[in-house]
Amino acid sequence: MESMMMITRASIVTLMVLLLTSNNVMMIVVESAGECGRTPIGSAAASLSPCLGATKDVRAKVPPACCARVSALLRSSPKCLCAVLLSPLAKQAKINPATAITVPKRCNIRNRPAGKKCGRYTLP
C-alpha cells in the first residue's frame, strides 16, 4: 500500500512538472508568435490612434502622424497592420476595414505591400 502511494505521488509530481514546463514553453511561443511580434495587438492598435478618423471616412485627410506610424509599422511588421485592422478592437472602435485598408495608399507610402490580402480585403 505504501509503495502504491509513493508511485501515485511520483506520478502526480511528474505530471505537475510536465504541465508547468509545457505551459512555460507555450507562453514563450505565444509571446513571440503574434502578428505584431512581442508587441500586444492592443498596443499596436493604440499606436495607430492618429489614424482613427481616416479609417472611418475615405474622404478624410490622413494626418501626417498617422502616415508616419503606418509607414513604420509596415517596415517593421506588415502583418501586424492587417491583424490590427481585423481585430475585435477595430470592430469595437467602429473602424471600417474597407476604408482603413486604403490608408497606406492615401499616405502615398511607396513600399506598401500593394496587392496583399488582409482577410477579404486587398491592399491597394
Protein backbone atom coordinates (compact mmCIF):
# COMPACT_ATOMS: atom_id res chain seq x y z
CA MET A 1 0.00 0.00 0.00
CA GLU A 2 2.81 2.40 0.89
CA SER A 3 4.59 1.70 -2.42
CA MET A 4 1.38 2.49 -4.32
CA MET A 5 1.12 5.87 -2.57
CA MET A 6 4.75 6.64 -3.48
CA ILE A 7 4.10 5.75 -7.11
CA THR A 8 0.96 7.89 -7.15
CA ARG A 9 2.80 10.82 -5.56
CA ALA A 10 5.64 10.42 -8.04
CA SER A 11 3.15 10.34 -10.91
CA ILE A 12 1.40 13.47 -9.66
CA VAL A 13 4.69 15.32 -9.22
CA THR A 14 5.84 14.25 -12.70
CA LEU A 15 2.52 15.34 -14.20
CA MET A 16 2.73 18.72 -12.46
CA VAL A 17 6.28 19.27 -13.71
CA LEU A 18 5.25 18.39 -17.25
CA LEU A 19 2.25 20.71 -17.11
CA LEU A 20 4.28 23.57 -15.69
CA THR A 21 7.02 23.07 -18.25
CA SER A 22 4.61 22.82 -21.18
CA ASN A 23 2.79 25.99 -20.07
CA ASN A 24 6.07 27.90 -19.90
CA VAL A 25 7.04 26.70 -23.35
CA MET A 26 3.59 27.57 -24.67
CA MET A 27 3.79 31.05 -23.15
CA ILE A 28 7.15 31.66 -24.83
CA VAL A 29 5.78 30.54 -28.19
CA VAL A 30 2.66 32.68 -27.84
CA GLU A 31 4.69 35.75 -26.89
CA SER A 32 6.88 35.51 -29.95
CA ALA A 33 4.37 34.10 -32.43
CA GLY A 34 1.93 37.02 -32.70
CA GLU A 35 1.47 39.00 -35.88
CA CYS A 36 2.85 42.03 -34.03
CA GLY A 37 5.83 40.17 -32.57
CA ARG A 38 6.15 40.80 -28.86
CA THR A 39 4.01 43.93 -29.04
CA PRO A 40 0.48 43.23 -27.80
CA ILE A 41 -2.07 43.92 -30.52
CA GLY A 42 -3.77 46.45 -28.24
CA SER A 43 -0.56 48.47 -28.05
CA ALA A 44 -0.11 48.30 -31.81
CA ALA A 45 -3.70 49.46 -32.27
CA ALA A 46 -3.24 52.30 -29.78
CA SER A 47 -0.17 53.49 -31.66
CA LEU A 48 -2.38 53.99 -34.70
CA SER A 49 -4.85 56.26 -32.87
CA PRO A 50 -3.95 59.28 -35.08
CA CYS A 51 -5.50 57.28 -37.94
CA LEU A 52 -8.91 56.85 -36.37
CA GLY A 53 -10.73 59.49 -38.43
CA ALA A 54 -9.15 58.29 -41.67
CA THR A 55 -10.28 54.71 -41.02
CA LYS A 56 -13.93 55.69 -40.85
CA ASP A 57 -14.20 58.08 -43.79
CA VAL A 58 -12.37 57.55 -47.08
CA ARG A 59 -12.61 61.30 -47.82
CA ALA A 60 -10.98 62.31 -44.52
CA LYS A 61 -7.49 63.74 -44.72
CA VAL A 62 -4.93 61.33 -43.28
CA PRO A 63 -2.85 63.10 -40.61
CA PRO A 64 0.95 63.06 -41.05
CA ALA A 65 1.31 61.38 -37.63
CA CYS A 66 -0.88 58.54 -38.88
CA CYS A 67 1.16 58.15 -42.06
CA ALA A 68 4.40 58.06 -40.08
CA ARG A 69 3.10 55.33 -37.78
CA VAL A 70 1.60 53.25 -40.57
CA SER A 71 4.84 53.52 -42.54
CA ALA A 72 6.89 52.44 -39.51
CA LEU A 73 4.55 49.52 -38.84
CA LEU A 74 4.70 48.38 -42.46
CA ARG A 75 8.50 48.43 -42.32
CA SER A 76 8.76 46.53 -39.05
CA SER A 77 5.78 44.16 -39.21
CA PRO A 78 3.43 44.40 -42.22
CA LYS A 79 1.24 41.55 -40.96
CA CYS A 80 0.62 43.48 -37.76
CA LEU A 81 -1.29 46.19 -39.61
CA CYS A 82 -3.65 43.59 -41.03
CA ALA A 83 -4.05 41.94 -37.63
CA VAL A 84 -4.98 45.30 -36.10
CA LEU A 85 -7.48 46.08 -38.88
CA LEU A 86 -9.21 42.72 -38.44
CA SER A 87 -9.06 42.67 -34.65
CA PRO A 88 -12.04 42.86 -32.30
CA LEU A 89 -10.59 46.18 -31.08
CA ALA A 90 -11.03 47.69 -34.55
CA LYS A 91 -14.58 46.42 -34.69
CA GLN A 92 -15.33 47.93 -31.26
CA ALA A 93 -13.89 51.27 -32.45
CA LYS A 94 -16.26 51.07 -35.46
CA ILE A 95 -13.36 51.09 -37.91
CA ASN A 96 -14.38 50.27 -41.46
CA PRO A 97 -11.76 47.74 -42.69
CA ALA A 98 -12.53 48.54 -46.34
CA THR A 99 -11.70 52.19 -45.65
CA ALA A 100 -8.83 51.50 -43.24
CA ILE A 101 -7.04 49.31 -45.79
CA THR A 102 -6.75 52.39 -48.05
CA VAL A 103 -4.76 54.44 -45.51
CA PRO A 104 -1.28 53.35 -46.71
CA LYS A 105 -2.15 54.38 -50.29
CA ARG A 106 -3.73 57.63 -49.13
CA CYS A 107 -0.47 58.31 -47.25
CA ASN A 108 1.45 57.73 -50.50
CA ILE A 109 3.58 55.04 -48.85
CA ARG A 110 5.63 53.69 -51.72
CA ASN A 111 6.83 50.48 -50.07
CA ARG A 112 3.34 49.33 -49.07
CA PRO A 113 2.58 45.69 -49.90
CA ALA A 114 0.04 46.53 -52.63
CA GLY A 115 -1.99 43.55 -53.76
CA LYS A 116 -1.53 41.65 -50.48
CA LYS A 117 -4.65 40.16 -48.94
CA CYS A 118 -5.81 41.15 -45.48
CA GLY A 119 -8.74 38.90 -44.71
CA ARG A 120 -11.22 39.54 -47.51
CA TYR A 121 -9.63 42.92 -48.31
CA THR A 122 -6.77 43.65 -50.70
CA LEU A 123 -4.25 46.37 -50.00
CA PRO A 124 -4.45 48.94 -52.84
